[in-house]
Amino acid sequence: MNTKQRKPRGPVHRRKGQSIVEFALGSILLVMLLATAIDLGRAFYTWQVVHQMAAEGSAYLARYPDRTTYPGTAPNDTYQGRAKNVGISAGRIFNPTPPNFDPSNSSYVNYTVAGGAAECMGNQFTVHVNYSMSDLFIPAFFGVKSLNLGAEETSAFLANVDGCP
């Protein structure tokens, strides 16, 4: 029986730290891939919420065309307030405060009537919703400060306002 231990041949003794270095470099790549997947998921979910906001604002405006932003109307009884409530019900992922979203500013939630017509039954209109995501990790890593998401929903008025024929 041979009881002599063999000596390692070649540069094996120099590779003791190689696996730790490979693990560290591979871990960085995996963490970046995970952060990218999380950011893409959050962006897609927020995009869906913005579309739901436009749909809710459009449905409310179609039924109540006289409740836009007139003084004396409660904020939740306007199409803008209804759109904001959809965003708030989405949870912590949606930030309903400026500069991300401000329903009192018409550049975030507004509507246009096709052809500049009045808000009369049967006339088509489009509700536009804009939202800016500024808390994503990967775009910030590359110097992009925000991701702007927008949606529109087209519908027709189901009721008349005063002054319609």
Protein backbone atom coordinates (compact mmCIF):
# COMPACT_ATOMS: atom_id res chain seq x y z
CA MET A 1 0.00 0.00 0.00
CA ASN A 2 1.27 3.40 -0.98
CA THR A 3 0.90 5.94 1.88
CA LYS A 4 2.70 8.83 0.22
CA GLN A 5 0.62 11.92 -0.45
CA ARG A 6 0.81 13.36 -3.87
CA LYS A 7 1.88 16.91 -4.38
CA PRO A 8 -0.45 18.98 -6.52
CA ARG A 9 0.89 19.48 -9.99
CA GLY A 10 0.74 22.77 -11.81
CA PRO A 11 -0.76 26.09 -10.66
CA VAL A 12 -3.59 24.58 -8.56
CA HIS A 13 -2.39 26.26 -5.39
CA ARG A 14 -2.80 29.68 -7.06
CA ARG A 15 -6.53 29.14 -7.74
CA LYS A 16 -7.77 29.08 -4.17
CA GLY A 17 -9.43 32.54 -4.36
CA GLN A 18 -10.72 32.19 -7.90
CA SER A 19 -14.13 30.80 -6.95
CA ILE A 20 -14.75 33.66 -4.51
CA VAL A 21 -13.94 36.23 -7.20
CA GLU A 22 -16.19 34.44 -9.72
CA PHE A 23 -19.00 34.32 -7.19
CA ALA A 24 -18.63 38.04 -6.45
CA LEU A 25 -18.68 39.00 -10.14
CA GLY A 26 -21.58 36.65 -10.87
CA SER A 27 -23.55 37.97 -7.90
CA ILE A 28 -23.30 41.54 -9.20
CA LEU A 29 -24.74 40.42 -12.53
CA LEU A 30 -27.55 38.47 -10.87
CA VAL A 31 -28.47 41.38 -8.58
CA MET A 32 -28.60 43.73 -11.59
CA LEU A 33 -30.84 41.27 -13.46
CA LEU A 34 -33.12 40.99 -10.44
CA ALA A 35 -33.33 44.79 -10.07
CA THR A 36 -34.13 45.11 -13.79
CA ALA A 37 -36.91 42.52 -13.52
CA ILE A 38 -38.39 44.29 -10.49
CA ASP A 39 -38.24 47.70 -12.21
CA LEU A 40 -39.85 46.35 -15.38
CA GLY A 41 -42.60 44.72 -13.34
CA ARG A 42 -43.29 47.92 -11.41
CA ALA A 43 -43.29 49.99 -14.63
CA PHE A 44 -45.72 47.58 -16.32
CA TYR A 45 -48.03 47.53 -13.31
CA THR A 46 -48.00 51.33 -13.10
CA TRP A 47 -48.71 51.54 -16.84
CA GLN A 48 -51.77 49.33 -16.29
CA VAL A 49 -52.92 51.57 -13.40
CA VAL A 50 -52.56 54.67 -15.61
CA HIS A 51 -54.75 52.98 -18.24
CA GLN A 52 -57.33 52.10 -15.59
CA MET A 53 -57.27 55.72 -14.42
CA ALA A 54 -58.05 56.92 -17.95
CA ALA A 55 -60.86 54.37 -18.28
CA GLU A 56 -62.43 55.39 -14.95
CA GLY A 57 -62.17 59.10 -15.77
CA SER A 58 -63.72 58.49 -19.17
CA ALA A 59 -66.58 56.40 -17.78
CA TYR A 60 -67.38 59.02 -15.14
CA LEU A 61 -67.17 61.93 -17.58
CA ALA A 62 -69.42 60.11 -20.07
CA ARG A 63 -72.16 59.79 -17.45
CA TYR A 64 -71.67 63.17 -15.73
CA PRO A 65 -70.37 65.66 -18.33
CA ASP A 66 -71.31 68.64 -16.15
CA ARG A 67 -68.99 67.53 -13.31
CA THR A 68 -65.61 68.50 -14.65
CA THR A 69 -63.78 71.09 -12.56
CA TYR A 70 -66.56 73.56 -11.83
CA PRO A 71 -66.31 75.44 -8.53
CA GLY A 72 -68.45 73.91 -5.82
CA THR A 73 -67.95 70.35 -7.06
CA ALA A 74 -66.26 68.03 -4.57
CA PRO A 75 -62.85 66.83 -5.84
CA ASN A 76 -63.94 63.18 -5.83
CA ASP A 77 -67.03 64.05 -7.89
CA THR A 78 -65.00 65.04 -10.93
CA TYR A 79 -63.47 62.81 -13.57
CA GLN A 80 -60.03 63.93 -12.33
CA GLY A 81 -60.80 62.93 -8.75
CA ARG A 82 -62.15 59.55 -9.87
CA ALA A 83 -58.99 58.92 -11.89
CA LYS A 84 -56.84 59.84 -8.90
CA ASN A 85 -58.82 57.48 -6.64
CA VAL A 86 -58.05 54.59 -8.99
CA GLY A 87 -54.36 55.42 -8.70
CA ILE A 88 -54.51 55.67 -4.93
CA SER A 89 -56.31 52.32 -4.64
CA ALA A 90 -53.42 50.73 -6.56
CA GLY A 91 -51.36 50.87 -3.39
CA ARG A 92 -47.89 52.05 -2.53
CA ILE A 93 -46.55 51.78 -6.07
CA PHE A 94 -48.51 54.85 -7.21
CA ASN A 95 -47.46 58.23 -5.83
CA PRO A 96 -50.43 60.63 -6.16
CA THR A 97 -48.48 63.75 -5.21
CA PRO A 98 -46.65 66.34 -7.33
CA PRO A 99 -44.35 66.19 -9.25
CA ASN A 100 -45.40 62.63 -10.18
CA PHE A 101 -49.11 63.33 -10.43
CA ASP A 102 -51.28 66.36 -9.70
CA PRO A 103 -54.94 66.00 -10.70
CA SER A 104 -55.59 69.71 -10.15
CA ASN A 105 -53.08 70.45 -12.92
CA SER A 106 -54.77 69.86 -16.28
CA SER A 107 -51.56 68.53 -17.83
CA TYR A 108 -51.89 65.33 -15.78
CA VAL A 109 -55.58 64.49 -16.33
CA ASN A 110 -57.52 66.31 -19.01
CA TYR A 111 -60.00 65.69 -21.77
CA THR A 112 -60.65 66.93 -25.27
CA VAL A 113 -63.91 66.79 -27.19
CA ALA A 114 -63.60 65.62 -30.80
CA GLY A 115 -63.77 68.49 -33.24
CA GLY A 116 -64.10 71.07 -30.46
CA ALA A 117 -67.82 70.27 -30.07
CA ALA A 118 -69.82 70.81 -26.89
CA GLU A 119 -70.31 68.25 -24.12
CA CYS A 120 -73.59 67.01 -25.63
CA MET A 121 -74.92 63.46 -25.80
CA GLY A 122 -73.26 61.37 -28.51
CA ASN A 123 -70.20 63.60 -28.98
CA GLN A 124 -66.92 61.78 -28.57
CA PHE A 125 -64.19 62.83 -26.17
CA THR A 126 -60.81 61.54 -25.06
CA VAL A 127 -59.46 61.50 -21.50
CA HIS A 128 -55.67 61.80 -21.24
CA VAL A 129 -53.71 60.73 -18.13
CA ASN A 130 -49.97 61.37 -17.66
CA TYR A 131 -47.81 60.00 -14.84
CA SER A 132 -44.10 60.28 -14.18
CA MET A 133 -42.23 57.47 -12.38
CA SER A 134 -39.13 58.85 -10.70
CA ASP A 135 -38.22 56.08 -8.26
CA LEU A 136 -36.87 53.35 -10.54
CA PHE A 137 -33.42 51.93 -9.76
CA ILE A 138 -32.01 50.84 -13.13
CA PRO A 139 -32.90 54.00 -15.14
CA ALA A 140 -31.44 56.14 -12.34
CA PHE A 141 -28.28 54.02 -12.51
CA PHE A 142 -27.90 55.08 -16.16
CA GLY A 143 -28.79 58.74 -15.57
CA VAL A 144 -32.46 58.70 -16.60
CA LYS A 145 -34.37 60.68 -13.96
CA SER A 146 -37.95 59.64 -14.75
CA LEU A 147 -40.10 57.45 -16.93
CA ASN A 148 -43.20 59.16 -18.32
CA LEU A 149 -46.28 56.99 -18.76
CA GLY A 150 -49.45 58.09 -20.49
CA ALA A 151 -52.82 56.69 -21.48
CA GLU A 152 -55.94 57.84 -23.31
CA GLU A 153 -59.47 56.53 -23.36
CA THR A 154 -62.05 57.58 -25.93
CA SER A 155 -65.77 57.50 -25.18
CA ALA A 156 -68.99 59.35 -25.98
CA PHE A 157 -71.13 61.51 -23.68
CA LEU A 158 -74.20 59.66 -22.38
CA ALA A 159 -75.92 62.77 -21.00
CA ASN A 160 -76.30 66.43 -21.89
CA VAL A 161 -75.10 69.51 -20.09
CA ASP A 162 -77.17 72.66 -19.90
CA GLY A 163 -77.43 74.36 -23.25
CA CYS A 164 -77.36 71.22 -25.43
CA PRO A 165 -80.13 70.80 -27.99
